[in-house]
């Protein structure tokens, strides 16, 4: 018995104590190397050259800025790339200011910038190319041929170098827009159709919106309103899936207003132009806002005159004037926008409204001659002013011949103040169009006007009875033939 406790004690002593959690031995810390910036290239000399060029004339800036891009040390770190990017933009402005259009066309693909583009990323290259195109369009907006040549040069360069598909597509879209402004509708439409096939495969919504919008403008220039509406609908459909910048949305609204104006829906067109004008006014883009304001005034003039003359949008309904209706656009000119955008464009539209209110063809012609640039250069305004002139001419002719049953054509020409041949041609056209009933006696040089006779309703009803009887007889004949077939 006395040995048991001893054995237990011995077992307790033999049991090792509970071990504490082991602490891992720290590894030796490697020496910390100092962080070296990627770009430690000195660019002070490049910055000084860029700043010194700002005080020089445009022709003197070009060699200084070119030396930055052609420097022999080959510095293309982040800081040097930023300085050279600014130099590309500056030399573009200098070439445009100096009027060296050939150099501008060859700038991006020539020796000056080719080294820069080969040493930067494709994204940076595409950004610089698009920015240079925007600068050229802003600084030299009327040099459309130069812009087109520059776009073609860039497209050729993208085809010969490594894959730059996205850049090529954007430059092609810009080229189509420039060709539209040059009235080269055929080449522009061919380019747009080819570009749309590629964009639909890539599903590039942003560029699809812009390209369909250009397509709509081209079809409108070709007077194909149906296809222009289809292209604009496609542009709106693509725009619903993405965020659209206010400037692009204003262009879409403006195009919608143009197409509604072509269809004679002047109220809806005015609403679209107002939406576009308000967006452009907030962006302080006066260059694009003024045409929208002119279109709003044109819609007001056409709508008021159409009601006054009781005309349809295309001049197809009666001609007699209602002298109580006047063309009033004073409310559009008395506001803040009217004062802000006052100028020759607004003055021209006000003069047209005044001439239309007085139904004065002579004053109308004088206004169109005086403001030829403001009124004839715009496709929409030119087309509708021609229509407006025809409507005024027909209205005045109707007012002159209304008291007569027979009148000499020379007398009409003297009263309206136009050549005899022009008046005779217009009267014959109005007779054929059914604007009034009459004949031209060219032997005597007279216009014989007939009174408008009421339709003979008895004859019309008689013809309707005969048509109904024909249907009854035809039906009976079909039934009798069916009976004969059954009996046989």
Protein backbone atom coordinates (compact mmCIF):
# COMPACT_ATOMS: atom_id res chain seq x y z
CA UNK A 1 0.00 0.00 0.00
CA UNK A 2 2.77 2.33 0.79
CA UNK A 3 4.29 1.82 -2.70
CA UNK A 4 1.30 3.16 -4.66
CA UNK A 5 1.67 6.81 -3.74
CA UNK A 6 5.29 6.61 -4.60
CA UNK A 7 4.53 5.26 -8.08
CA UNK A 8 2.00 8.01 -8.68
CA UNK A 9 4.47 10.59 -7.57
CA UNK A 10 7.03 9.22 -9.89
CA UNK A 11 4.55 9.38 -12.79
CA UNK A 12 3.74 12.99 -12.00
CA UNK A 13 7.37 13.87 -11.94
CA UNK A 14 7.92 12.02 -15.23
CA UNK A 15 5.10 14.02 -17.02
CA UNK A 16 6.63 17.01 -18.76
CA UNK A 17 5.13 20.40 -18.03
CA UNK A 18 2.70 21.97 -20.57
CA UNK A 19 4.73 23.69 -23.24
CA UNK A 20 4.11 27.42 -24.02
CA UNK A 21 3.11 28.43 -27.60
CA UNK A 22 6.18 28.64 -29.77
CA UNK A 23 7.16 32.08 -31.09
CA UNK A 24 8.43 32.01 -34.74
CA UNK A 25 11.95 33.19 -35.14
CA UNK A 26 11.97 36.51 -37.06
CA UNK A 27 13.53 36.35 -40.47
CA UNK A 28 16.32 38.75 -41.25
CA UNK A 29 14.91 42.00 -42.75
CA UNK A 30 16.36 42.76 -46.17
CA UNK A 31 17.80 46.23 -46.58
CA UNK A 32 15.20 48.77 -47.79
CA UNK A 33 16.16 50.20 -51.16
CA UNK A 34 15.33 53.86 -51.73
CA UNK A 35 12.29 54.45 -54.01
CA UNK A 36 13.48 55.79 -57.31
CA UNK A 37 10.99 57.77 -59.41
CA UNK A 38 10.42 56.50 -62.91
CA UNK A 39 11.11 59.85 -64.44
CA UNK A 40 14.09 61.65 -63.11
CA UNK A 41 15.00 63.08 -66.49
CA UNK A 42 15.69 66.79 -66.39
CA UNK A 43 13.02 68.56 -68.43
CA UNK A 44 13.74 72.10 -67.31
CA UNK A 45 15.20 73.05 -70.69
CA UNK A 46 12.07 71.76 -72.50
CA UNK A 47 9.76 73.71 -70.18
CA UNK A 48 11.79 76.89 -70.70
CA UNK A 49 11.62 76.49 -74.48
CA UNK A 50 7.86 75.96 -74.32
CA UNK A 51 7.34 79.04 -72.14
CA UNK A 52 9.66 81.20 -74.24
CA UNK A 53 7.68 80.37 -77.39
CA UNK A 54 4.50 81.92 -75.95
CA UNK A 55 5.88 85.46 -76.37
CA UNK A 56 6.86 84.98 -80.03
CA UNK A 57 4.94 85.44 -83.26
CA UNK A 58 3.31 82.40 -84.84
CA UNK A 59 5.99 81.96 -87.52
CA UNK A 60 8.76 82.30 -84.93
CA UNK A 61 7.12 79.78 -82.55
CA UNK A 62 7.29 76.92 -85.07
CA UNK A 63 11.09 76.23 -85.00
CA UNK A 64 11.24 76.58 -81.21
CA UNK A 65 8.35 74.17 -80.62
CA UNK A 66 9.63 71.75 -83.26
CA UNK A 67 13.00 71.61 -81.46
CA UNK A 68 11.20 70.32 -78.34
CA UNK A 69 9.69 67.43 -80.30
CA UNK A 70 12.92 66.70 -82.19
CA UNK A 71 15.30 66.83 -79.21
CA UNK A 72 18.10 64.27 -79.53
CA UNK A 73 18.14 62.90 -75.97
CA UNK A 74 14.95 60.88 -76.52
CA UNK A 75 13.26 61.77 -73.23
CA UNK A 76 9.80 60.19 -73.02
CA UNK A 77 9.15 59.92 -69.29
CA UNK A 78 5.88 61.19 -67.80
CA UNK A 79 7.08 64.77 -67.40
CA UNK A 80 8.78 64.94 -70.78
CA UNK A 81 5.75 63.38 -72.50
CA UNK A 82 3.46 65.99 -70.91
CA UNK A 83 5.69 68.83 -72.11
CA UNK A 84 5.90 67.40 -75.63
CA UNK A 85 2.12 66.92 -75.76
CA UNK A 86 1.67 70.61 -74.98
CA UNK A 87 4.25 71.37 -77.68
CA UNK A 88 2.23 69.41 -80.27
CA UNK A 89 -0.89 71.46 -79.47
CA UNK A 90 1.09 74.72 -79.55
CA UNK A 91 2.77 73.99 -82.88
CA UNK A 92 -0.64 73.10 -84.37
CA UNK A 93 -2.03 76.49 -83.36
CA UNK A 94 1.10 78.20 -84.67
CA UNK A 95 0.83 76.54 -88.09
CA UNK A 96 -2.87 77.48 -88.35
CA UNK A 97 -2.19 81.07 -87.28
CA UNK A 98 0.63 81.36 -89.83
CA UNK A 99 -1.61 79.98 -92.59
CA UNK A 100 0.72 77.08 -93.38
CA UNK A 101 -2.00 74.62 -94.31
CA UNK A 102 0.25 72.08 -96.04
CA UNK A 103 2.42 71.81 -92.93
CA UNK A 104 -0.70 71.33 -90.77
CA UNK A 105 -1.84 68.42 -92.96
CA UNK A 106 1.56 66.70 -92.67
CA UNK A 107 2.16 67.61 -89.02
CA UNK A 108 0.97 64.41 -87.33
CA UNK A 109 2.39 62.02 -89.91
CA UNK A 110 5.61 63.94 -90.63
CA UNK A 111 9.03 63.90 -89.01
CA UNK A 112 8.07 66.38 -86.28
CA UNK A 113 5.53 64.21 -84.41
CA UNK A 114 6.25 60.68 -85.62
CA UNK A 115 8.93 60.09 -82.99
CA UNK A 116 6.58 61.23 -80.23
CA UNK A 117 3.78 58.91 -81.39
CA UNK A 118 6.10 55.90 -81.63
CA UNK A 119 7.18 56.28 -78.00
CA UNK A 120 3.82 56.86 -76.29
CA UNK A 121 0.93 54.49 -75.69
CA UNK A 122 -1.81 54.01 -78.29
CA UNK A 123 -4.36 55.61 -75.96
CA UNK A 124 -2.21 58.72 -75.55
CA UNK A 125 -1.59 58.81 -79.30
CA UNK A 126 -5.32 58.63 -80.07
CA UNK A 127 -6.04 61.37 -77.51
CA UNK A 128 -3.43 63.71 -79.02
CA UNK A 129 -4.61 63.10 -82.59
CA UNK A 130 -8.25 63.84 -81.71
CA UNK A 131 -7.24 66.93 -79.75
CA UNK A 132 -5.17 68.22 -82.69
CA UNK A 133 -8.14 67.71 -85.04
CA UNK A 134 -10.38 69.64 -82.64
CA UNK A 135 -7.82 72.47 -82.47
CA UNK A 136 -7.61 72.68 -86.27
CA UNK A 137 -11.43 72.76 -86.57
CA UNK A 138 -11.68 75.48 -83.91
CA UNK A 139 -8.81 77.69 -85.11
CA UNK A 140 -9.50 77.32 -88.86
CA UNK A 141 -13.20 76.37 -89.14
CA UNK A 142 -13.52 77.55 -92.75
CA UNK A 143 -10.51 75.60 -94.05
CA UNK A 144 -12.57 72.49 -94.75
CA UNK A 145 -10.29 71.21 -97.51
CA UNK A 146 -7.34 71.32 -95.11
CA UNK A 147 -9.33 69.42 -92.48
CA UNK A 148 -10.34 66.76 -95.03
CA UNK A 149 -6.74 66.33 -96.25
CA UNK A 150 -5.53 66.04 -92.66
CA UNK A 151 -8.11 63.33 -91.89
CA UNK A 152 -7.12 61.37 -95.01
CA UNK A 153 -3.43 61.64 -94.06
CA UNK A 154 -4.13 60.27 -90.57
CA UNK A 155 -6.29 57.44 -91.96
CA UNK A 156 -3.49 56.40 -94.35
CA UNK A 157 -1.03 56.47 -91.44
CA UNK A 158 -3.26 54.29 -89.24
CA UNK A 159 -3.60 51.74 -92.05
CA UNK A 160 0.16 51.46 -92.59
CA UNK A 161 1.18 51.29 -88.91
CA UNK A 162 0.19 48.77 -86.25
CA UNK A 163 -3.48 48.20 -85.45
CA UNK A 164 -5.12 51.52 -84.61
CA UNK A 165 -8.70 50.59 -85.51
CA UNK A 166 -10.48 52.79 -82.98
CA UNK A 167 -8.47 55.86 -83.92
CA UNK A 168 -9.11 55.23 -87.64
CA UNK A 169 -12.85 54.91 -87.07
CA UNK A 170 -13.03 58.18 -85.18
CA UNK A 171 -11.04 60.02 -87.82
CA UNK A 172 -13.27 58.52 -90.56
CA UNK A 173 -16.34 59.80 -88.72
CA UNK A 174 -14.74 63.25 -88.61
CA UNK A 175 -13.89 63.04 -92.32
CA UNK A 176 -17.52 62.20 -93.16
CA UNK A 177 -18.66 65.25 -91.20
CA UNK A 178 -16.19 67.49 -93.05
CA UNK A 179 -17.26 66.07 -96.43
CA UNK A 180 -20.87 66.84 -95.54
CA UNK A 181 -19.91 70.47 -94.87
CA UNK A 182 -18.14 70.49 -98.26
CA UNK A 183 -21.41 69.27 -99.88
CA UNK A 184 -19.65 66.08 -100.99
CA UNK A 185 -22.68 63.98 -100.12
CA UNK A 186 -21.79 60.94 -102.27
CA UNK A 187 -18.32 60.21 -100.81
CA UNK A 188 -19.55 61.06 -97.31
CA UNK A 189 -22.47 58.62 -97.55
CA UNK A 190 -20.22 55.85 -98.89
CA UNK A 191 -17.77 56.37 -96.02
CA UNK A 192 -20.58 56.42 -93.43
CA UNK A 193 -22.14 53.18 -94.73
CA UNK A 194 -18.76 51.40 -94.55
CA UNK A 195 -18.07 52.79 -91.08
CA UNK A 196 -21.49 51.79 -89.71
CA UNK A 197 -20.91 48.16 -90.68
CA UNK A 198 -17.76 48.09 -88.54
CA UNK A 199 -19.29 49.99 -85.62
CA UNK A 200 -22.31 47.69 -85.37
CA UNK A 201 -19.99 44.70 -85.01
CA UNK A 202 -18.01 46.46 -82.26
CA UNK A 203 -21.17 47.96 -80.68
CA UNK A 204 -19.45 51.31 -80.08
CA UNK A 205 -22.53 53.23 -78.92
CA UNK A 206 -20.88 56.64 -78.63
CA UNK A 207 -19.51 56.62 -82.15
CA UNK A 208 -22.73 55.05 -83.47
CA UNK A 209 -24.70 58.03 -82.15
CA UNK A 210 -22.38 60.51 -83.87
CA UNK A 211 -22.17 58.56 -87.15
CA UNK A 212 -25.93 58.02 -87.46
CA UNK A 213 -26.38 61.75 -86.81
CA UNK A 214 -23.97 62.58 -89.67
CA UNK A 215 -25.84 60.07 -91.85
CA UNK A 216 -29.11 61.86 -91.09
CA UNK A 217 -27.61 65.21 -92.06
CA UNK A 218 -26.29 63.77 -95.34
CA UNK A 219 -29.70 62.32 -96.30
CA UNK A 220 -31.32 65.64 -95.45
CA UNK A 221 -28.83 67.38 -97.71
CA UNK A 222 -29.88 64.94 -100.46
CA UNK A 223 -33.54 65.86 -99.74
CA UNK A 224 -34.34 62.30 -98.64
CA UNK A 225 -36.36 63.06 -95.52
CA UNK A 226 -37.52 59.47 -94.97
CA UNK A 227 -33.97 58.09 -94.72
CA UNK A 228 -32.89 61.09 -92.67
CA UNK A 229 -35.63 60.28 -90.12
CA UNK A 230 -34.60 56.62 -90.04
CA UNK A 231 -30.95 57.54 -89.39
CA UNK A 232 -31.96 60.00 -86.67
CA UNK A 233 -34.13 57.34 -85.01
CA UNK A 234 -31.14 54.96 -85.00
CA UNK A 235 -29.02 57.69 -83.43
CA UNK A 236 -31.61 58.29 -80.70
CA UNK A 237 -31.88 54.54 -80.03
CA UNK A 238 -28.13 54.25 -79.51
CA UNK A 239 -28.13 57.41 -77.39
CA UNK A 240 -30.71 55.94 -74.97
CA UNK A 241 -28.17 53.31 -73.87
CA UNK A 242 -25.35 55.70 -72.92
CA UNK A 243 -24.69 59.10 -71.43
CA UNK A 244 -24.85 61.76 -74.13
CA UNK A 245 -22.98 65.03 -73.68
CA UNK A 246 -25.16 68.17 -73.75
CA UNK A 247 -23.53 69.42 -76.98
CA UNK A 248 -24.29 66.15 -78.79
CA UNK A 249 -27.83 66.07 -77.39
CA UNK A 250 -28.35 69.61 -78.68
CA UNK A 251 -27.24 68.47 -82.15
CA UNK A 252 -29.75 65.60 -82.05
CA UNK A 253 -32.57 67.94 -80.97
CA UNK A 254 -31.62 70.44 -83.66
CA UNK A 255 -31.72 67.73 -86.34
CA UNK A 256 -35.13 66.58 -85.06
CA UNK A 257 -36.39 70.14 -85.39
CA UNK A 258 -35.04 70.39 -88.94
CA UNK A 259 -36.87 67.24 -90.04
CA UNK A 260 -40.13 68.32 -88.41
CA UNK A 261 -39.75 71.68 -90.13
CA UNK A 262 -39.33 69.90 -93.47
CA UNK A 263 -42.61 68.08 -92.83
CA UNK A 264 -44.42 71.32 -92.05
CA UNK A 265 -44.89 70.65 -88.32
CA UNK A 266 -43.57 74.05 -87.29
CA UNK A 267 -44.88 73.89 -83.71
CA UNK A 268 -43.01 70.68 -82.87
CA UNK A 269 -39.94 71.92 -84.76
CA UNK A 270 -39.94 75.13 -82.69
CA UNK A 271 -40.01 73.05 -79.48
CA UNK A 272 -36.98 70.99 -80.55
CA UNK A 273 -35.05 74.09 -81.58
CA UNK A 274 -35.86 75.68 -78.23
CA UNK A 275 -34.51 72.64 -76.35
CA UNK A 276 -31.30 72.72 -78.40
CA UNK A 277 -30.93 76.48 -77.99
CA UNK A 278 -31.30 76.36 -74.20
CA UNK A 279 -28.63 73.65 -73.90
CA UNK A 280 -26.21 75.53 -76.14
CA UNK A 281 -26.94 78.77 -74.30
CA UNK A 282 -25.95 77.12 -71.01
CA UNK A 283 -22.73 75.91 -72.68
CA UNK A 284 -22.07 79.47 -73.98
CA UNK A 285 -21.65 78.06 -77.48
CA UNK A 286 -22.82 81.11 -79.43
CA UNK A 287 -21.63 79.72 -82.77
CA UNK A 288 -24.15 76.86 -82.63
CA UNK A 289 -26.81 78.68 -80.60
CA UNK A 290 -27.39 81.43 -83.19
CA UNK A 291 -28.53 79.00 -85.94
CA UNK A 292 -31.00 77.43 -83.50
CA UNK A 293 -32.39 80.89 -82.70
CA UNK A 294 -32.69 81.61 -86.43
CA UNK A 295 -34.55 78.33 -86.94
CA UNK A 296 -36.94 79.23 -84.11
CA UNK A 297 -37.68 82.55 -85.81
CA UNK A 298 -38.12 80.79 -89.17
CA UNK A 299 -40.67 78.39 -87.66
CA UNK A 300 -42.58 81.29 -86.13
CA UNK A 301 -42.60 83.14 -89.48
CA UNK A 302 -43.73 80.11 -91.49
CA UNK A 303 -46.39 79.13 -88.97
CA UNK A 304 -47.85 82.64 -88.73
CA UNK A 305 -47.79 83.21 -92.48
CA UNK A 306 -49.27 79.78 -93.17
CA UNK A 307 -52.23 80.63 -90.93
CA UNK A 308 -52.53 84.10 -92.44
CA UNK A 309 -52.55 82.82 -96.04
CA UNK A 310 -54.51 79.67 -95.14
CA UNK A 311 -51.75 77.60 -96.73
CA UNK A 312 -50.58 74.12 -95.96
CA UNK A 313 -46.92 73.50 -95.22
CA UNK A 314 -46.22 72.97 -98.92
CA UNK A 315 -48.59 75.64 -100.24
CA UNK A 316 -51.17 73.14 -101.39
CA UNK A 317 -54.37 74.61 -99.93
CA UNK A 318 -56.15 77.91 -100.65
CA UNK A 319 -54.35 81.19 -101.15
CA UNK A 320 -56.64 83.97 -99.96
CA UNK A 321 -55.10 86.03 -97.21
CA UNK A 322 -56.48 86.79 -93.78
CA UNK A 323 -55.23 90.30 -93.07
CA UNK A 324 -55.90 90.01 -89.35
CA UNK A 325 -53.06 87.54 -88.87
CA UNK A 326 -49.58 89.03 -88.64
CA UNK A 327 -46.09 87.59 -88.30
CA UNK A 328 -44.94 88.53 -84.81
CA UNK A 329 -41.51 87.52 -83.51
CA UNK A 330 -40.98 90.49 -81.20
CA UNK A 331 -41.33 88.28 -78.11
CA UNK A 332 -38.32 86.23 -79.16
CA UNK A 333 -36.11 89.30 -79.56
CA UNK A 334 -37.03 91.24 -76.44
CA UNK A 335 -35.73 88.65 -73.98
CA UNK A 336 -32.26 88.13 -72.60
CA UNK A 337 -31.31 85.74 -75.39
CA UNK A 338 -32.37 88.19 -78.07
CA UNK A 339 -30.10 90.87 -76.63
CA UNK A 340 -27.24 88.43 -76.04
CA UNK A 341 -27.23 87.07 -79.59
CA UNK A 342 -28.09 90.27 -81.44
CA UNK A 343 -26.30 90.62 -84.76
CA UNK A 344 -26.70 90.44 -88.52
CA UNK A 345 -28.21 86.95 -88.41
CA UNK A 346 -31.03 88.02 -86.12
CA UNK A 347 -31.42 91.28 -88.04
CA UNK A 348 -31.84 89.32 -91.29
CA UNK A 349 -34.60 87.12 -89.86
CA UNK A 350 -36.36 90.18 -88.42
CA UNK A 351 -36.29 91.84 -91.84
CA UNK A 352 -37.74 88.69 -93.44
CA UNK A 353 -40.53 88.67 -90.85
CA UNK A 354 -41.32 92.33 -91.58
CA UNK A 355 -41.42 91.71 -95.34
CA UNK A 356 -43.66 88.67 -94.86
CA UNK A 357 -46.04 90.64 -92.65
CA UNK A 358 -46.43 93.31 -95.34
CA UNK A 359 -46.67 90.66 -98.12
CA UNK A 360 -44.09 92.73 -100.02
CA UNK A 361 -42.24 90.75 -102.68
CA UNK A 362 -39.97 93.67 -103.51
CA UNK A 363 -38.92 94.10 -99.89
CA UNK A 364 -38.50 90.33 -99.58
CA UNK A 365 -36.10 90.25 -102.54
CA UNK A 366 -34.16 93.24 -101.20
CA UNK A 367 -33.70 91.53 -97.83
CA UNK A 368 -32.49 88.26 -99.39
CA UNK A 369 -30.02 90.23 -101.53
CA UNK A 370 -28.77 92.37 -98.63
CA UNK A 371 -28.33 89.42 -96.23
CA UNK A 372 -27.24 86.85 -98.78
CA UNK A 373 -24.61 85.25 -96.54
CA UNK A 374 -26.93 84.97 -93.53
CA UNK A 375 -29.93 83.59 -95.48
CA UNK A 376 -28.57 81.66 -98.46
CA UNK A 377 -25.68 79.74 -96.90
CA UNK A 378 -27.92 77.72 -94.60
CA UNK A 379 -29.63 74.80 -96.37
CA UNK A 380 -32.83 74.80 -94.27
CA UNK A 381 -33.37 78.56 -94.35
CA UNK A 382 -32.62 78.79 -98.08
CA UNK A 383 -35.13 76.05 -98.94
CA UNK A 384 -37.94 77.44 -96.83
CA UNK A 385 -37.36 81.04 -97.91
CA UNK A 386 -37.78 79.89 -101.52
CA UNK A 387 -41.05 78.22 -100.51
CA UNK A 388 -42.08 81.35 -98.64
CA UNK A 389 -41.36 83.50 -101.68
CA UNK A 390 -43.52 81.26 -103.90
CA UNK A 391 -46.36 81.45 -101.37
CA UNK A 392 -46.17 85.25 -101.21
CA UNK A 393 -46.07 85.48 -105.01
CA UNK A 394 -49.14 83.27 -105.39
CA UNK A 395 -50.99 85.17 -102.68
CA UNK A 396 -50.28 88.54 -104.33
CA UNK A 397 -51.30 87.24 -107.78
CA UNK A 398 -54.59 85.94 -106.38
CA UNK A 399 -55.28 89.31 -104.75
CA UNK A 400 -54.65 91.12 -108.05
CA UNK A 401 -56.80 88.90 -110.30
CA UNK A 402 -59.59 88.41 -107.77
CA UNK A 403 -61.79 91.36 -109.02
CA UNK A 404 -61.44 90.42 -112.71
CA UNK A 405 -63.02 87.87 -114.98
CA UNK A 406 -60.67 88.85 -117.85
CA UNK A 407 -57.46 90.82 -117.41
CA UNK A 408 -54.37 91.47 -119.49
CA UNK A 409 -51.24 89.66 -118.31
CA UNK A 410 -49.13 92.77 -118.91
CA UNK A 411 -51.35 94.68 -116.46
CA UNK A 412 -50.80 92.01 -113.79
CA UNK A 413 -47.04 92.15 -114.40
CA UNK A 414 -47.01 95.94 -114.05
CA UNK A 415 -48.97 95.83 -110.79
CA UNK A 416 -46.79 93.19 -109.20
CA UNK A 417 -43.56 94.67 -110.61
CA UNK A 418 -42.20 91.56 -112.32
CA UNK A 419 -41.29 90.48 -115.85
CA UNK A 420 -44.13 89.42 -118.14
CA UNK A 421 -42.60 85.99 -118.86
CA UNK A 422 -42.19 85.22 -115.15
CA UNK A 423 -45.79 86.19 -114.38
CA UNK A 424 -47.14 84.21 -117.34
CA UNK A 425 -45.20 81.10 -116.31
CA UNK A 426 -46.38 81.40 -112.71
CA UNK A 427 -50.04 81.87 -113.70
CA UNK A 428 -49.95 78.79 -115.94
CA UNK A 429 -48.40 76.79 -113.08
CA UNK A 430 -51.12 77.95 -110.66
CA UNK A 431 -53.84 76.97 -113.13
CA UNK A 432 -52.35 73.49 -113.51
CA UNK A 433 -52.05 73.14 -109.73
CA UNK A 434 -55.73 74.08 -109.31
CA UNK A 435 -55.03 77.26 -107.33
CA UNK A 436 -57.74 78.97 -109.39
CA UNK A 437 -59.89 78.18 -112.46
CA UNK A 438 -59.00 79.93 -115.67
CA UNK A 439 -57.14 79.85 -118.99
CA UNK A 440 -54.37 81.87 -120.61
CA UNK A 441 -55.21 83.39 -124.00
CA UNK A 442 -51.67 83.91 -125.26
CA UNK A 443 -52.87 85.25 -128.61
CA UNK A 444 -54.57 88.21 -126.93
CA UNK A 445 -52.22 88.22 -123.92
CA UNK A 446 -55.12 87.85 -121.49
CA UNK A 447 -56.01 85.78 -118.47
CA UNK A 448 -59.62 84.59 -118.38
CA UNK A 449 -60.77 83.67 -114.86
CA UNK A 450 -63.75 81.42 -114.23
CA UNK A 451 -65.88 81.53 -111.16
CA UNK A 452 -65.52 78.62 -108.82
CA UNK A 453 -68.55 76.41 -109.47
CA UNK A 454 -70.02 74.14 -106.86
CA UNK A 455 -69.65 70.44 -107.38
CA UNK A 456 -72.58 68.66 -109.03
CA UNK A 457 -73.60 66.34 -106.22
CA UNK A 458 -76.27 64.65 -108.39
CA UNK A 459 -73.63 63.41 -110.81
CA UNK A 460 -71.39 62.18 -108.00
CA UNK A 461 -74.27 60.32 -106.34
CA UNK A 462 -75.33 58.89 -109.72
CA UNK A 463 -71.81 57.54 -110.28
CA UNK A 464 -71.86 56.05 -106.81
CA UNK A 465 -75.21 54.28 -107.53
CA UNK A 466 -73.79 52.84 -110.77
CA UNK A 467 -70.72 51.57 -108.92
CA UNK A 468 -72.92 49.88 -106.30
CA UNK A 469 -75.10 48.26 -109.00
CA UNK A 470 -71.96 46.94 -110.67
CA UNK A 471 -70.95 45.26 -107.42
CA UNK A 472 -74.43 43.69 -107.06
CA UNK A 473 -74.47 42.35 -110.62
CA UNK A 474 -70.94 40.95 -110.24
CA UNK A 475 -71.98 39.20 -107.00
CA UNK A 476 -75.09 37.66 -108.62
CA UNK A 477 -73.05 36.45 -111.59
CA UNK A 478 -70.58 34.69 -109.25
CA UNK A 479 -73.44 32.97 -107.39
CA UNK A 480 -75.18 31.83 -110.58
CA UNK A 481 -71.96 30.32 -111.85
CA UNK A 482 -71.56 28.43 -108.57
CA UNK A 483 -75.14 27.04 -108.90
CA UNK A 484 -74.49 25.87 -112.45
CA UNK A 485 -71.38 24.04 -111.27
CA UNK A 486 -73.36 22.25 -108.52
CA UNK A 487 -76.19 21.22 -110.87
CA UNK A 488 -73.79 19.87 -113.46
